[in-house]
Protein backbone atom coordinates (compact mmCIF):
# COMPACT_ATOMS: atom_id res chain seq x y z
CA UNK A 1 58.53 -70.09 -101.68
CA UNK A 2 54.84 -70.22 -103.21
CA UNK A 3 53.64 -69.26 -99.35
CA UNK A 4 56.30 -66.02 -99.41
CA UNK A 5 54.87 -64.76 -102.59
CA UNK A 6 51.24 -65.02 -101.35
CA UNK A 7 51.99 -63.54 -97.72
CA UNK A 8 53.88 -60.32 -99.83
CA UNK A 9 50.85 -60.02 -102.21
CA UNK A 10 48.23 -60.20 -99.07
CA UNK A 11 50.20 -57.43 -97.86
CA UNK A 12 50.03 -55.77 -100.75
CA UNK A 13 46.79 -55.68 -100.64
CA UNK A 14 45.63 -55.11 -97.64
CA UNK A 15 47.55 -51.83 -97.40
CA UNK A 16 45.81 -50.93 -100.98
CA UNK A 17 42.57 -51.29 -99.08
CA UNK A 18 41.54 -47.75 -98.35
CA UNK A 19 42.91 -46.25 -101.39
CA UNK A 20 40.52 -48.48 -104.12
CA UNK A 21 37.32 -50.51 -104.02
CA UNK A 22 37.76 -53.85 -103.62
CA UNK A 23 36.46 -56.49 -106.04
CA UNK A 24 34.93 -60.07 -104.72
CA UNK A 25 37.39 -62.63 -103.76
CA UNK A 26 38.90 -64.69 -106.54
CA UNK A 27 38.29 -68.31 -107.48
CA UNK A 28 42.23 -68.21 -107.47
CA UNK A 29 42.61 -66.70 -103.70
CA UNK A 30 39.68 -68.82 -102.10
CA UNK A 31 41.97 -71.78 -103.32
CA UNK A 32 44.42 -70.85 -100.99
CA UNK A 33 42.14 -71.82 -98.16
CA UNK A 34 43.57 -74.76 -96.72
CA UNK A 35 46.84 -74.10 -98.43
CA UNK A 36 48.88 -71.34 -97.25
CA UNK A 37 45.82 -70.27 -95.28
CA UNK A 38 44.06 -71.97 -92.75
CA UNK A 39 40.51 -73.24 -94.04
CA UNK A 40 39.03 -70.29 -91.99
CA UNK A 41 41.62 -67.57 -93.37
CA UNK A 42 44.35 -67.32 -91.07
CA UNK A 43 48.15 -67.68 -92.11
CA UNK A 44 49.23 -71.06 -91.73
CA UNK A 45 52.54 -70.39 -91.03
CA UNK A 46 54.23 -68.78 -88.17
CA UNK A 47 56.32 -65.71 -88.00
CA UNK A 48 60.13 -65.40 -89.17
CA UNK A 49 61.31 -65.48 -85.73
CA UNK A 50 58.78 -68.06 -84.65
CA UNK A 51 57.34 -66.34 -81.79
CA UNK A 52 54.35 -66.95 -83.53
CA UNK A 53 53.91 -70.51 -84.46
CA UNK A 54 52.51 -72.62 -87.08
CA UNK A 55 48.79 -73.84 -87.35
CA UNK A 56 48.19 -76.86 -85.96
CA UNK A 57 44.70 -77.74 -84.81
CA UNK A 58 43.61 -79.36 -82.25
CA UNK A 59 41.02 -82.16 -82.43
CA UNK A 60 37.73 -82.13 -80.67
CA UNK A 61 37.97 -84.20 -77.13
CA UNK A 62 35.82 -84.21 -73.88
CA UNK A 63 32.36 -83.48 -73.47
CA UNK A 64 29.78 -81.00 -74.38
CA UNK A 65 28.72 -79.49 -70.51
CA UNK A 66 30.16 -79.72 -67.41
CA UNK A 67 33.84 -79.00 -67.85
CA UNK A 68 35.39 -75.64 -67.79
CA UNK A 69 38.17 -74.65 -70.83
CA UNK A 70 41.35 -76.84 -69.78
CA UNK A 71 44.36 -77.76 -71.87
CA UNK A 72 47.06 -79.83 -69.74
CA UNK A 73 49.90 -79.54 -72.86
CA UNK A 74 49.70 -75.57 -72.20
CA UNK A 75 48.11 -75.04 -68.98
CA UNK A 76 51.64 -75.64 -67.04
CA UNK A 77 53.55 -72.90 -69.15
CA UNK A 78 55.67 -70.56 -67.59
CA UNK A 79 55.42 -66.47 -68.46
CA UNK A 80 58.32 -65.88 -70.99
CA UNK A 81 59.18 -62.25 -69.80
CA UNK A 82 56.89 -59.56 -68.33
CA UNK A 83 56.18 -56.36 -70.13
CA UNK A 84 55.80 -53.20 -67.29
CA UNK A 85 55.64 -49.31 -67.68
CA UNK A 86 59.77 -49.60 -67.51
CA UNK A 87 60.03 -51.52 -70.40
CA UNK A 88 57.17 -50.93 -72.68
CA UNK A 89 59.46 -48.99 -75.17
CA UNK A 90 61.02 -52.59 -75.90
CA UNK A 91 57.55 -53.83 -76.68
CA UNK A 92 55.21 -50.42 -77.81
CA UNK A 93 54.68 -51.98 -81.23
CA UNK A 94 53.11 -55.33 -80.09
CA UNK A 95 50.43 -53.94 -77.10
CA UNK A 96 47.24 -52.61 -77.57
CA UNK A 97 46.55 -49.06 -76.88
CA UNK A 98 44.25 -49.93 -74.19
CA UNK A 99 47.13 -51.79 -72.44
CA UNK A 100 49.62 -49.13 -72.63
CA UNK A 101 47.18 -46.42 -71.01
CA UNK A 102 46.94 -49.13 -68.52
CA UNK A 103 50.49 -49.34 -67.74
CA UNK A 104 50.96 -45.79 -68.50
CA UNK A 105 48.57 -45.21 -65.47
CA UNK A 106 49.14 -47.62 -62.97
CA UNK A 107 53.26 -48.53 -63.24
CA UNK A 108 53.77 -50.18 -60.41
CA UNK A 109 50.90 -52.89 -60.49
CA UNK A 110 49.87 -52.88 -64.18
CA UNK A 111 51.89 -55.88 -66.27
CA UNK A 112 51.35 -58.09 -69.10
CA UNK A 113 52.52 -61.79 -68.30
CA UNK A 114 53.86 -62.76 -71.69
CA UNK A 115 53.53 -66.89 -72.51
CA UNK A 116 54.51 -69.05 -75.39
CA UNK A 117 51.89 -69.05 -77.88
CA UNK A 118 49.78 -72.01 -79.19
CA UNK A 119 48.00 -71.80 -82.37
CA UNK A 120 45.35 -74.85 -82.10
CA UNK A 121 41.71 -73.28 -82.71
CA UNK A 122 39.91 -75.17 -85.34
CA UNK A 123 36.10 -75.24 -85.96
CA UNK A 124 34.11 -78.58 -86.91
CA UNK A 125 34.41 -79.71 -90.52
CA UNK A 126 31.19 -78.17 -91.68
CA UNK A 127 32.11 -74.90 -90.79
CA UNK A 128 35.74 -75.28 -92.71
CA UNK A 129 33.71 -76.73 -95.85
CA UNK A 130 31.21 -73.84 -95.62
CA UNK A 131 33.24 -71.06 -95.21
CA UNK A 132 35.64 -72.07 -98.00
CA UNK A 133 32.24 -72.09 -100.50
CA UNK A 134 31.35 -68.53 -98.37
CA UNK A 135 34.87 -66.98 -99.80
CA UNK A 136 32.94 -67.17 -103.49
CA UNK A 137 29.61 -66.70 -102.96
CA UNK A 138 28.90 -64.22 -99.60
CA UNK A 139 28.78 -60.98 -100.57
CA UNK A 140 27.99 -57.31 -98.80
CA UNK A 141 25.82 -54.83 -99.76
CA UNK A 142 26.39 -51.45 -97.76
CA UNK A 143 27.61 -52.50 -94.34
CA UNK A 144 24.81 -54.20 -92.41
CA UNK A 145 23.30 -56.44 -95.55
CA UNK A 146 25.08 -59.46 -96.08
CA UNK A 147 23.74 -62.45 -98.36
CA UNK A 148 24.95 -65.47 -100.07
CA UNK A 149 26.40 -67.02 -96.87
CA UNK A 150 25.72 -70.24 -95.53
CA UNK A 151 26.35 -71.82 -92.24
CA UNK A 152 30.64 -70.97 -92.00
CA UNK A 153 32.47 -67.41 -91.74
CA UNK A 154 30.71 -65.31 -94.88
CA UNK A 155 34.37 -63.61 -95.57
CA UNK A 156 37.42 -65.33 -94.56
CA UNK A 157 39.42 -63.17 -96.74
CA UNK A 158 37.99 -59.47 -95.74
CA UNK A 159 38.67 -56.90 -97.95
CA UNK A 160 36.18 -54.39 -96.05
CA UNK A 161 36.47 -52.84 -92.73
CA UNK A 162 33.34 -54.64 -91.27
CA UNK A 163 33.96 -57.69 -92.97
CA UNK A 164 36.01 -59.11 -90.00
CA UNK A 165 33.23 -58.08 -87.38
CA UNK A 166 30.38 -60.22 -89.32
CA UNK A 167 32.89 -62.83 -88.98
CA UNK A 168 33.17 -62.42 -85.65
CA UNK A 169 29.03 -61.81 -85.38
CA UNK A 170 28.04 -65.29 -86.72
CA UNK A 171 30.99 -67.32 -85.59
CA UNK A 172 30.53 -70.91 -84.48
CA UNK A 173 29.05 -71.65 -80.83
CA UNK A 174 27.02 -74.58 -80.87
CA UNK A 175 23.94 -75.34 -81.93
CA UNK A 176 22.72 -74.06 -78.67
CA UNK A 177 24.08 -73.12 -75.61
CA UNK A 178 22.93 -72.31 -71.66
CA UNK A 179 25.73 -70.32 -69.97
CA UNK A 180 26.04 -68.20 -66.28
CA UNK A 181 26.90 -64.52 -67.60
CA UNK A 182 27.94 -63.23 -64.10
CA UNK A 183 29.07 -59.87 -64.23
CA UNK A 184 30.50 -56.87 -61.56
CA UNK A 185 31.52 -53.39 -61.33
CA UNK A 186 34.99 -53.20 -59.68
CA UNK A 187 35.39 -49.66 -57.68
CA UNK A 188 39.01 -47.91 -57.76
CA UNK A 189 39.38 -49.63 -54.33
CA UNK A 190 38.79 -52.98 -55.42
CA UNK A 191 35.54 -53.46 -53.67
CA UNK A 192 32.62 -54.70 -56.05
CA UNK A 193 28.96 -55.73 -56.69
CA UNK A 194 28.05 -58.66 -58.54
CA UNK A 195 24.78 -59.62 -61.08
CA UNK A 196 24.18 -63.33 -61.85
CA UNK A 197 22.49 -63.49 -65.18
CA UNK A 198 21.75 -66.97 -66.89
CA UNK A 199 21.35 -66.95 -71.10
CA UNK A 200 19.99 -69.13 -73.26
CA UNK A 201 20.85 -68.80 -77.00
CA UNK A 202 20.14 -70.79 -79.85
CA UNK A 203 21.61 -70.09 -83.65
CA UNK A 204 19.98 -70.57 -86.49
CA UNK A 205 22.91 -69.18 -88.79
CA UNK A 206 26.37 -71.74 -87.79
CA UNK A 207 24.33 -74.56 -86.75
CA UNK A 208 25.50 -77.49 -88.32
CA UNK A 209 23.08 -80.06 -87.48
CA UNK A 210 20.65 -78.07 -90.29
CA UNK A 211 19.71 -80.37 -92.83
CA UNK A 212 18.66 -77.03 -94.79
CA UNK A 213 21.23 -74.49 -93.63
CA UNK A 214 19.88 -71.35 -92.92
CA UNK A 215 21.33 -67.99 -95.90
CA UNK A 216 22.85 -65.01 -94.21
CA UNK A 217 20.94 -62.33 -96.00
CA UNK A 218 18.76 -59.08 -94.86
CA UNK A 219 16.03 -59.87 -92.21
CA UNK A 220 17.43 -63.13 -91.64
CA UNK A 221 17.35 -64.32 -88.24
CA UNK A 222 21.03 -65.57 -86.96
CA UNK A 223 20.58 -66.33 -83.62
CA UNK A 224 17.69 -66.04 -80.68
CA UNK A 225 18.68 -64.87 -77.33
CA UNK A 226 17.10 -64.93 -73.68
CA UNK A 227 18.47 -63.56 -70.39
CA UNK A 228 16.78 -63.88 -67.03
CA UNK A 229 18.57 -61.97 -64.01
CA UNK A 230 18.76 -63.70 -60.93
CA UNK A 231 20.51 -61.27 -58.67
CA UNK A 232 20.48 -58.38 -57.19
CA UNK A 233 16.97 -58.80 -55.88
CA UNK A 234 16.11 -55.09 -57.28
CA UNK A 235 16.80 -56.24 -60.68
CA UNK A 236 15.57 -59.97 -60.42
CA UNK A 237 13.36 -61.27 -62.61
CA UNK A 238 14.08 -58.80 -65.76
CA UNK A 239 14.04 -60.75 -69.14
CA UNK A 240 15.75 -59.80 -72.35
CA UNK A 241 14.57 -61.53 -75.54
CA UNK A 242 16.51 -60.82 -78.91
CA UNK A 243 15.91 -61.99 -82.28
CA UNK A 244 19.01 -60.94 -83.55
CA UNK A 245 19.02 -60.18 -87.70
CA UNK A 246 20.88 -59.38 -90.32
CA UNK A 247 20.08 -55.53 -91.09
CA UNK A 248 18.73 -52.57 -89.40
CA UNK A 249 15.92 -50.92 -88.85
CA UNK A 250 12.90 -52.46 -88.93
CA UNK A 251 15.30 -55.86 -90.86
CA UNK A 252 17.44 -55.70 -88.03
CA UNK A 253 17.40 -56.73 -84.53
CA UNK A 254 13.92 -57.35 -82.34
CA UNK A 255 13.91 -56.82 -78.65
CA UNK A 256 11.64 -57.59 -75.86
CA UNK A 257 12.28 -56.51 -72.08
CA UNK A 258 10.38 -57.79 -69.39
CA UNK A 259 10.46 -55.47 -66.01
CA UNK A 260 8.89 -57.19 -63.23
CA UNK A 261 7.39 -53.81 -61.91
CA UNK A 262 5.64 -54.04 -64.86
CA UNK A 263 4.71 -57.67 -64.97
CA UNK A 264 4.44 -57.39 -68.59
CA UNK A 265 6.62 -58.01 -71.85
CA UNK A 266 7.20 -55.09 -74.33
CA UNK A 267 8.75 -54.43 -77.14
CA UNK A 268 12.16 -52.74 -76.56
CA UNK A 269 13.70 -50.69 -79.70
CA UNK A 270 16.60 -49.04 -77.72
CA UNK A 271 18.32 -52.68 -76.96
CA UNK A 272 21.00 -51.36 -79.70
CA UNK A 273 23.98 -49.29 -80.03
CA UNK A 274 24.98 -47.04 -77.07
CA UNK A 275 21.84 -47.36 -75.11
CA UNK A 276 23.12 -48.91 -71.51
CA UNK A 277 22.42 -52.65 -70.68
CA UNK A 278 19.78 -53.19 -68.42
CA UNK A 279 21.72 -54.01 -64.75
CA UNK A 280 25.30 -52.86 -65.75
CA UNK A 281 24.47 -49.19 -64.10
CA UNK A 282 25.86 -47.85 -67.60
CA UNK A 283 29.01 -49.06 -67.59
CA UNK A 284 28.26 -51.41 -71.01
CA UNK A 285 26.24 -50.78 -73.83
CA UNK A 286 24.30 -53.09 -75.97
CA UNK A 287 27.00 -53.12 -78.91
CA UNK A 288 29.79 -54.11 -76.37
CA UNK A 289 28.14 -57.22 -75.39
CA UNK A 290 30.06 -60.38 -76.73
CA UNK A 291 33.04 -57.42 -77.21
CA UNK A 292 31.16 -56.10 -80.61
CA UNK A 293 27.71 -56.99 -81.54
CA UNK A 294 26.34 -54.14 -82.91
CA UNK A 295 24.82 -52.56 -85.87
CA UNK A 296 27.39 -50.97 -88.52
CA UNK A 297 25.52 -48.37 -89.65
CA UNK A 298 26.85 -45.87 -87.07
CA UNK A 299 30.13 -45.83 -88.00
CA UNK A 300 32.86 -45.97 -91.45
CA UNK A 301 34.78 -49.47 -91.37
CA UNK A 302 38.38 -49.25 -92.68
CA UNK A 303 40.38 -52.61 -92.58
CA UNK A 304 44.05 -51.39 -91.73
CA UNK A 305 45.29 -54.85 -92.13
CA UNK A 306 46.64 -57.03 -89.84
CA UNK A 307 49.14 -57.02 -87.10
CA UNK A 308 51.23 -59.02 -84.68
CA UNK A 309 50.06 -58.26 -81.29
CA UNK A 310 49.73 -59.47 -77.22
CA UNK A 311 46.39 -60.46 -76.82
CA UNK A 312 44.95 -62.61 -74.07
CA UNK A 313 45.16 -66.25 -75.17
CA UNK A 314 44.24 -69.76 -73.58
CA UNK A 315 42.61 -67.82 -70.63
CA UNK A 316 41.72 -71.06 -68.98
CA UNK A 317 43.20 -70.05 -65.53
CA UNK A 318 41.20 -67.03 -65.34
CA UNK A 319 38.20 -69.04 -66.25
CA UNK A 320 37.94 -71.81 -64.40
CA UNK A 321 36.58 -72.47 -60.80
CA UNK A 322 40.08 -72.91 -59.23
CA UNK A 323 39.65 -68.56 -59.71
CA UNK A 324 37.22 -67.01 -57.31
CA UNK A 325 35.76 -63.46 -58.23
CA UNK A 326 37.32 -61.91 -54.95
CA UNK A 327 40.80 -63.53 -56.44
CA UNK A 328 40.06 -61.28 -59.61
CA UNK A 329 39.41 -57.60 -58.48
CA UNK A 330 42.04 -55.75 -57.54
CA UNK A 331 41.92 -51.77 -57.16
CA UNK A 332 41.73 -49.78 -60.70
CA UNK A 333 42.30 -53.25 -63.05
CA UNK A 334 42.22 -56.64 -63.25
CA UNK A 335 44.47 -58.85 -61.26
CA UNK A 336 47.37 -58.87 -63.59
CA UNK A 337 48.88 -62.37 -62.27
CA UNK A 338 45.73 -64.19 -63.54
CA UNK A 339 45.60 -63.24 -67.29
CA UNK A 340 47.87 -65.03 -70.23
CA UNK A 341 48.98 -63.39 -73.12
CA UNK A 342 50.09 -64.42 -76.23
CA UNK A 343 52.30 -62.97 -79.68
CA UNK A 344 49.22 -63.54 -82.32
CA UNK A 345 48.28 -61.80 -85.72
CA UNK A 346 44.84 -60.04 -85.76
CA UNK A 347 42.81 -57.77 -87.82
CA UNK A 348 42.76 -53.89 -87.13
CA UNK A 349 39.66 -52.61 -87.86
CA UNK A 350 39.39 -48.66 -87.35
CA UNK A 351 35.16 -47.38 -87.40
CA UNK A 352 34.77 -43.65 -87.47
CA UNK A 353 31.18 -42.24 -85.81
CA UNK A 354 29.15 -40.69 -89.46
CA UNK A 355 28.45 -37.10 -88.65
CA UNK A 356 24.97 -37.66 -88.93
CA UNK A 357 24.66 -40.74 -86.76
CA UNK A 358 24.88 -40.10 -83.08
CA UNK A 359 26.62 -42.64 -80.69
CA UNK A 360 28.98 -42.00 -77.80
CA UNK A 361 31.89 -43.28 -79.02
CA UNK A 362 33.31 -41.17 -81.83
CA UNK A 363 35.67 -43.78 -82.94
CA UNK A 364 36.82 -47.29 -82.42
CA UNK A 365 40.17 -49.64 -82.88
CA UNK A 366 39.33 -53.42 -83.16
CA UNK A 367 41.35 -56.42 -82.86
CA UNK A 368 40.12 -59.61 -84.21
CA UNK A 369 42.12 -62.76 -83.55
CA UNK A 370 43.24 -64.34 -86.96
CA UNK A 371 42.43 -68.07 -86.26
CA UNK A 372 39.03 -67.80 -84.53
CA UNK A 373 37.59 -64.46 -86.01
CA UNK A 374 37.53 -63.36 -82.23
CA UNK A 375 37.42 -59.60 -81.58
CA UNK A 376 40.08 -59.84 -78.29
CA UNK A 377 40.65 -56.04 -77.95
CA UNK A 378 38.53 -52.51 -78.54
CA UNK A 379 40.23 -49.09 -77.95
CA UNK A 380 37.16 -46.81 -77.73
CA UNK A 381 37.61 -42.95 -78.07
CA UNK A 382 35.14 -40.41 -77.08
CA UNK A 383 33.66 -37.27 -79.25
CA UNK A 384 36.66 -35.08 -78.34
CA UNK A 385 39.02 -38.51 -79.20
CA UNK A 386 40.26 -38.88 -75.80
CA UNK A 387 40.50 -42.45 -75.07
CA UNK A 388 37.63 -43.16 -72.77
CA UNK A 389 37.28 -47.02 -72.93
CA UNK A 390 38.98 -49.99 -73.58
CA UNK A 391 37.69 -53.66 -73.81
CA UNK A 392 39.75 -56.41 -73.29
CA UNK A 393 38.65 -60.01 -74.17
CA UNK A 394 40.33 -63.31 -73.03
CA UNK A 395 39.85 -66.37 -75.09
CA UNK A 396 38.83 -69.74 -74.42
CA UNK A 397 38.08 -72.59 -76.28
CA UNK A 398 36.00 -75.19 -75.55
CA UNK A 399 37.13 -78.53 -77.14
CA UNK A 400 33.81 -80.64 -76.52
CA UNK A 401 32.51 -77.98 -79.38
CA UNK A 402 35.43 -76.93 -80.75
CA UNK A 403 33.71 -72.97 -80.17
CA UNK A 404 36.17 -69.98 -79.18
CA UNK A 405 34.75 -67.35 -76.84
CA UNK A 406 36.04 -64.54 -74.44
CA UNK A 407 35.24 -65.17 -71.17
CA UNK A 408 35.87 -63.08 -68.96
CA UNK A 409 35.63 -59.99 -70.53
CA UNK A 410 36.64 -56.67 -69.38
CA UNK A 411 35.49 -52.72 -69.53
CA UNK A 412 37.72 -50.47 -68.43
CA UNK A 413 36.50 -46.65 -68.09
CA UNK A 414 39.34 -44.40 -67.78
CA UNK A 415 36.76 -41.26 -66.94
CA UNK A 416 35.39 -42.73 -63.64
CA UNK A 417 38.33 -45.25 -62.77
CA UNK A 418 35.99 -48.23 -62.19
CA UNK A 419 35.92 -51.36 -64.47
CA UNK A 420 32.99 -53.39 -65.32
CA UNK A 421 33.83 -57.71 -65.62
CA UNK A 422 31.23 -59.76 -67.67
CA UNK A 423 31.33 -63.38 -68.86
CA UNK A 424 31.97 -64.99 -65.89
CA UNK A 425 30.99 -67.86 -64.96
CA UNK A 426 33.52 -69.64 -62.52
CA UNK A 427 31.31 -69.89 -59.28
CA UNK A 428 28.73 -71.08 -60.82
CA UNK A 429 28.53 -73.46 -63.83
CA UNK A 430 30.71 -73.89 -66.93
CA UNK A 431 29.07 -73.51 -70.87
CA UNK A 432 26.33 -76.31 -71.34
CA UNK A 433 26.25 -76.52 -74.97
CA UNK A 434 23.77 -80.28 -74.52
CA UNK A 435 20.87 -78.34 -73.93
CA UNK A 436 17.53 -77.82 -76.35
CA UNK A 437 14.81 -75.41 -76.32
CA UNK A 438 11.78 -76.04 -77.79
CA UNK A 439 10.53 -74.10 -81.05
CA UNK A 440 8.35 -71.47 -78.85
CA UNK A 441 10.77 -71.32 -76.16
CA UNK A 442 12.17 -67.88 -77.47
CA UNK A 443 8.50 -66.19 -78.32
CA UNK A 444 7.33 -63.17 -76.32
CA UNK A 445 4.55 -64.95 -74.84
CA UNK A 446 5.97 -68.05 -73.93
CA UNK A 447 8.34 -65.60 -71.68
CA UNK A 448 5.70 -63.49 -70.51
CA UNK A 449 4.16 -66.69 -69.06
CA UNK A 450 7.40 -68.16 -67.71
CA UNK A 451 8.21 -64.57 -65.48
CA UNK A 452 4.87 -64.43 -64.37
CA UNK A 453 4.61 -67.76 -62.41
């Protein structure tokens, strides 16, 4: 009964968000973390008909490198049913707008295979402990200036529209990581061109190994990132260096670009927002990397509430070496025999482009998984209000680290008929969370010396 009352209260509070300014999280609300709520703010209970199960976290297991995501307890599941254009009306309320558009455009080939739902996701104890503390000590001034948060998720009980996105941006992914981020642009006939990138990242904020944790506050770095393009030859040797910080303008992201043709590294003020990511031929904006990683000041943000949806989940089959890139690419869309979709609760966030701030998108609707604070889908609308793109992130868990990410990510371009895939390592190597980097590894001079050898 207590859980039911809490859920009724929470639903009412969510519906009131657009109409009133919400106060900070109270001690009473925060006390539900670890009780009716999971330690990071999801509803612990399943739904009424059992199609969403109770949260049952799985402990860490396996190495921190050398393995692709897998789970023998669920990887043998068979689909419960399939959503097609013919039966979409029976499931429409649970299907993201982008998926509806794909079913409409390609009724003979596009489908969603729905599997049993599993809620196994959790994080290291330090993340869980600090998240509960953050519930009452963290705050957000405006949209880009959080403060008072340490290590864990800043806003486990969100009150503002972009708070779920802050949780996504600073979520735990390990301490240091190296990954292959292979990308491909797929033409309407299913042919594709491949780009290979190696990325190194060190996490300052969500680093559970630090004795003195960093506060998430304006101007504070929460990660450093370095990418090297390996192929194709025309862009091989390109480096992008980013110091990711809270805030915007002078306080926000600092970035550098090394172009082989110039043979020098230079500041890159355009590594932001809707500027195209190098090497993607305009198929991915910088603020679409990792589903969403942009500054927030160009949009107004509305927390619509929580909703049950069919989303890409436990996508181990499509992530591992058993699936080749040629297996994925099909005309018009990803090979839909490969993805796994499950019923889960997501936070729905709507972003509207401010009239005085330029951006290609007039509006966005983002879907954030409640258990991992991971963006798994984004509907992107152009300035005429038409659905322009759909981003889909296939969620996986690295059990050796207890980290969760989307791999691969797909961006469907409805205006051109092409689609873009990124975050693929199937034909190279899995993530490596055992790497360590020298203190000067992510400095511009170090990158210059490395690139010019």
